[in-house]
Every structure is written in C-alpha cells, then in structure tokens.
Amino acid sequence: MKELVEVIAKALVDNPDEVVVTETVNGKNIKVELHVAPSDMGKVIGKQGRIAKAIRSVVKAASTRDDTRVDVDIM
C-alpha cells in the first residue's frame, strides 16, 4: 500500500522529492502516513477534502483483496 500512496502523491505535488510515506503494520491493520511539503498540502487534500477522500477510496479498494484494513493519514 505504501507504494500505491507514494505514486499517487508524487503525481499530484510540485515537489515529489519531499513526499515521504511510512507504513506501520499491526496484524490486519495497516497505517499509512503521507508527509508532503507544506506548499503541496492543498494539492493532496483538495477542495473540501475530495482528493484525500479519493486517495483513501483507491487504497481501500486495493486493500480488500488482501483482506486488510488500511488507514491513510495526511500529515
């Protein structure tokens, strides 16, 4: 899941070198934290959180085949 979030985030931002994704696995729960440059925060979140919601939906769809639960936090 880490790679998926990283690819999506790097495509959205102006500074792809500053995108950092960390993944923590706890049983069937996976927590993915996305860190971007402060100037790119709006591009990742989007108006009214639409892009962030779309990222979470894509990751959730990808995680259902692995029977895991994934939480995506944007820092």
N, C-alpha and C. Protein backbone atom coordinates (compact mmCIF):
# COMPACT_ATOMS: atom_id res chain seq x y z
N MET A 1 0.82 -1.19 0.00
CA MET A 1 0.00 0.00 0.00
C MET A 1 0.87 1.26 0.00
N LYS A 2 2.03 1.15 0.61
CA LYS A 2 2.94 2.30 0.68
C LYS A 2 3.30 2.79 -0.71
N GLU A 3 3.59 1.88 -1.61
CA GLU A 3 3.99 2.25 -2.96
C GLU A 3 2.85 2.91 -3.71
N LEU A 4 1.64 2.42 -3.51
CA LEU A 4 0.47 2.98 -4.18
C LEU A 4 0.24 4.43 -3.76
N VAL A 5 0.29 4.69 -2.47
CA VAL A 5 0.10 6.05 -1.96
C VAL A 5 1.22 6.96 -2.45
N GLU A 6 2.43 6.44 -2.48
CA GLU A 6 3.58 7.23 -2.92
C GLU A 6 3.46 7.63 -4.39
N VAL A 7 3.05 6.72 -5.24
CA VAL A 7 2.90 7.01 -6.67
C VAL A 7 1.81 8.06 -6.89
N ILE A 8 0.69 7.91 -6.19
CA ILE A 8 -0.40 8.87 -6.35
C ILE A 8 0.03 10.25 -5.87
N ALA A 9 0.66 10.32 -4.71
CA ALA A 9 1.05 11.61 -4.14
C ALA A 9 2.10 12.31 -5.00
N LYS A 10 3.07 11.56 -5.50
CA LYS A 10 4.12 12.18 -6.32
C LYS A 10 3.56 12.73 -7.62
N ALA A 11 2.48 12.15 -8.12
CA ALA A 11 1.86 12.65 -9.34
C ALA A 11 1.10 13.95 -9.10
N LEU A 12 0.70 14.20 -7.87
CA LEU A 12 -0.12 15.38 -7.56
C LEU A 12 0.69 16.62 -7.19
N VAL A 13 1.86 16.45 -6.59
CA VAL A 13 2.57 17.57 -5.98
C VAL A 13 3.59 18.21 -6.93
N ASP A 14 4.04 19.42 -6.56
CA ASP A 14 5.09 20.12 -7.31
C ASP A 14 6.48 19.67 -6.89
N ASN A 15 6.62 19.22 -5.63
CA ASN A 15 7.91 18.79 -5.09
C ASN A 15 7.87 17.29 -4.76
N PRO A 16 7.99 16.42 -5.77
CA PRO A 16 7.89 14.98 -5.50
C PRO A 16 9.04 14.44 -4.65
N ASP A 17 10.15 15.18 -4.58
CA ASP A 17 11.27 14.72 -3.75
C ASP A 17 10.96 14.81 -2.26
N GLU A 18 9.99 15.64 -1.89
CA GLU A 18 9.66 15.83 -0.48
C GLU A 18 8.52 14.94 -0.01
N VAL A 19 8.05 14.04 -0.85
CA VAL A 19 7.00 13.11 -0.46
C VAL A 19 7.62 11.96 0.32
N VAL A 20 7.12 11.75 1.54
CA VAL A 20 7.60 10.65 2.39
C VAL A 20 6.39 9.86 2.85
N VAL A 21 6.43 8.55 2.62
CA VAL A 21 5.33 7.68 3.02
C VAL A 21 5.88 6.63 3.97
N THR A 22 5.26 6.51 5.14
CA THR A 22 5.65 5.48 6.11
C THR A 22 4.47 4.54 6.32
N GLU A 23 4.79 3.29 6.57
CA GLU A 23 3.76 2.27 6.72
C GLU A 23 4.01 1.50 8.00
N THR A 24 2.97 1.35 8.81
CA THR A 24 3.04 0.59 10.05
C THR A 24 2.03 -0.54 9.98
N VAL A 25 2.49 -1.77 10.16
CA VAL A 25 1.61 -2.93 10.09
C VAL A 25 1.36 -3.45 11.49
N ASN A 26 0.08 -3.66 11.81
CA ASN A 26 -0.31 -4.19 13.10
C ASN A 26 -1.38 -5.26 12.85
N GLY A 27 -0.95 -6.48 12.62
CA GLY A 27 -1.89 -7.55 12.30
C GLY A 27 -2.50 -7.33 10.93
N LYS A 28 -3.83 -7.22 10.87
CA LYS A 28 -4.51 -6.96 9.60
C LYS A 28 -4.78 -5.47 9.39
N ASN A 29 -4.28 -4.64 10.28
CA ASN A 29 -4.43 -3.20 10.15
C ASN A 29 -3.12 -2.59 9.67
N ILE A 30 -3.23 -1.72 8.68
CA ILE A 30 -2.06 -1.02 8.15
C ILE A 30 -2.33 0.47 8.26
N LYS A 31 -1.36 1.19 8.82
CA LYS A 31 -1.48 2.65 8.91
C LYS A 31 -0.43 3.25 7.99
N VAL A 32 -0.89 4.07 7.05
CA VAL A 32 -0.01 4.71 6.08
C VAL A 32 -0.04 6.21 6.37
N GLU A 33 1.15 6.79 6.58
CA GLU A 33 1.26 8.23 6.83
C GLU A 33 1.93 8.89 5.64
N LEU A 34 1.31 9.93 5.14
CA LEU A 34 1.81 10.65 3.98
C LEU A 34 2.27 12.03 4.42
N HIS A 35 3.53 12.33 4.19
CA HIS A 35 4.11 13.63 4.51
C HIS A 35 4.49 14.32 3.21
N VAL A 36 4.01 15.55 3.02
CA VAL A 36 4.35 16.33 1.84
C VAL A 36 4.83 17.71 2.28
N ALA A 37 5.39 18.46 1.34
CA ALA A 37 5.83 19.83 1.64
C ALA A 37 4.61 20.68 1.99
N PRO A 38 4.79 21.64 2.89
CA PRO A 38 3.65 22.50 3.27
C PRO A 38 2.99 23.19 2.09
N SER A 39 3.76 23.54 1.07
CA SER A 39 3.18 24.21 -0.10
C SER A 39 2.33 23.25 -0.96
N ASP A 40 2.54 21.96 -0.81
CA ASP A 40 1.79 20.96 -1.58
C ASP A 40 0.61 20.37 -0.81
N MET A 41 0.42 20.78 0.41
CA MET A 41 -0.63 20.19 1.24
C MET A 41 -2.02 20.36 0.61
N GLY A 42 -2.28 21.53 0.06
CA GLY A 42 -3.58 21.78 -0.56
C GLY A 42 -3.83 20.92 -1.78
N LYS A 43 -2.79 20.60 -2.51
CA LYS A 43 -2.94 19.77 -3.70
C LYS A 43 -3.28 18.33 -3.34
N VAL A 44 -2.77 17.88 -2.22
CA VAL A 44 -3.04 16.50 -1.80
C VAL A 44 -4.41 16.38 -1.14
N ILE A 45 -4.83 17.42 -0.43
CA ILE A 45 -6.13 17.38 0.24
C ILE A 45 -7.25 17.73 -0.73
N GLY A 46 -7.07 18.76 -1.53
CA GLY A 46 -8.09 19.15 -2.50
C GLY A 46 -9.19 19.97 -1.86
N LYS A 47 -10.06 20.50 -2.69
CA LYS A 47 -11.18 21.30 -2.19
C LYS A 47 -12.13 20.40 -1.42
N GLN A 48 -12.42 20.81 -0.22
CA GLN A 48 -13.31 20.08 0.69
C GLN A 48 -12.87 18.63 0.90
N GLY A 49 -11.56 18.37 0.74
CA GLY A 49 -11.02 17.05 1.01
C GLY A 49 -11.32 16.00 -0.03
N ARG A 50 -11.68 16.42 -1.22
CA ARG A 50 -12.08 15.46 -2.26
C ARG A 50 -10.94 14.58 -2.73
N ILE A 51 -9.76 15.16 -2.91
CA ILE A 51 -8.63 14.35 -3.38
C ILE A 51 -8.18 13.38 -2.30
N ALA A 52 -8.14 13.84 -1.05
CA ALA A 52 -7.77 12.96 0.06
C ALA A 52 -8.77 11.81 0.17
N LYS A 53 -10.03 12.10 -0.01
CA LYS A 53 -11.06 11.07 0.05
C LYS A 53 -10.88 10.07 -1.10
N ALA A 54 -10.52 10.57 -2.28
CA ALA A 54 -10.30 9.69 -3.43
C ALA A 54 -9.10 8.79 -3.21
N ILE A 55 -8.02 9.34 -2.63
CA ILE A 55 -6.84 8.52 -2.32
C ILE A 55 -7.22 7.41 -1.36
N ARG A 56 -7.97 7.75 -0.33
CA ARG A 56 -8.39 6.74 0.65
C ARG A 56 -9.28 5.68 0.00
N SER A 57 -10.14 6.08 -0.92
CA SER A 57 -11.02 5.12 -1.60
C SER A 57 -10.23 4.14 -2.47
N VAL A 58 -9.24 4.64 -3.19
CA VAL A 58 -8.41 3.78 -4.03
C VAL A 58 -7.63 2.78 -3.17
N VAL A 59 -7.06 3.27 -2.08
CA VAL A 59 -6.29 2.39 -1.19
C VAL A 59 -7.21 1.36 -0.54
N LYS A 60 -8.41 1.77 -0.16
CA LYS A 60 -9.36 0.84 0.44
C LYS A 60 -9.75 -0.26 -0.56
N ALA A 61 -9.96 0.12 -1.80
CA ALA A 61 -10.30 -0.86 -2.82
C ALA A 61 -9.15 -1.84 -3.05
N ALA A 62 -7.93 -1.34 -3.04
CA ALA A 62 -6.77 -2.21 -3.23
C ALA A 62 -6.56 -3.13 -2.02
N SER A 63 -6.95 -2.68 -0.85
CA SER A 63 -6.71 -3.48 0.35
C SER A 63 -7.75 -4.57 0.55
N THR A 64 -8.88 -4.49 -0.11
CA THR A 64 -9.92 -5.51 0.10
C THR A 64 -9.50 -6.87 -0.42
N ARG A 65 -8.68 -6.91 -1.47
CA ARG A 65 -8.25 -8.22 -1.97
C ARG A 65 -7.25 -8.89 -1.03
N ASP A 66 -6.55 -8.09 -0.20
CA ASP A 66 -5.62 -8.64 0.78
C ASP A 66 -6.29 -8.91 2.12
N ASP A 67 -7.58 -8.57 2.23
CA ASP A 67 -8.34 -8.73 3.47
C ASP A 67 -7.68 -7.98 4.63
N THR A 68 -7.28 -6.73 4.37
CA THR A 68 -6.68 -5.89 5.40
C THR A 68 -7.43 -4.58 5.48
N ARG A 69 -7.20 -3.85 6.55
CA ARG A 69 -7.80 -2.53 6.74
C ARG A 69 -6.68 -1.51 6.71
N VAL A 70 -6.83 -0.51 5.86
CA VAL A 70 -5.78 0.49 5.68
C VAL A 70 -6.31 1.87 6.05
N ASP A 71 -5.58 2.57 6.90
CA ASP A 71 -5.88 3.96 7.25
C ASP A 71 -4.82 4.84 6.64
N VAL A 72 -5.23 5.87 5.91
CA VAL A 72 -4.29 6.81 5.30
C VAL A 72 -4.41 8.13 6.03
N ASP A 73 -3.30 8.56 6.64
CA ASP A 73 -3.24 9.85 7.34
C ASP A 73 -2.34 10.79 6.56
N ILE A 74 -2.81 12.00 6.32
CA ILE A 74 -2.02 13.00 5.63
C ILE A 74 -1.50 13.97 6.67
N MET A 75 -0.18 14.04 6.77
CA MET A 75 0.46 14.87 7.80
C MET A 75 0.96 16.16 7.19
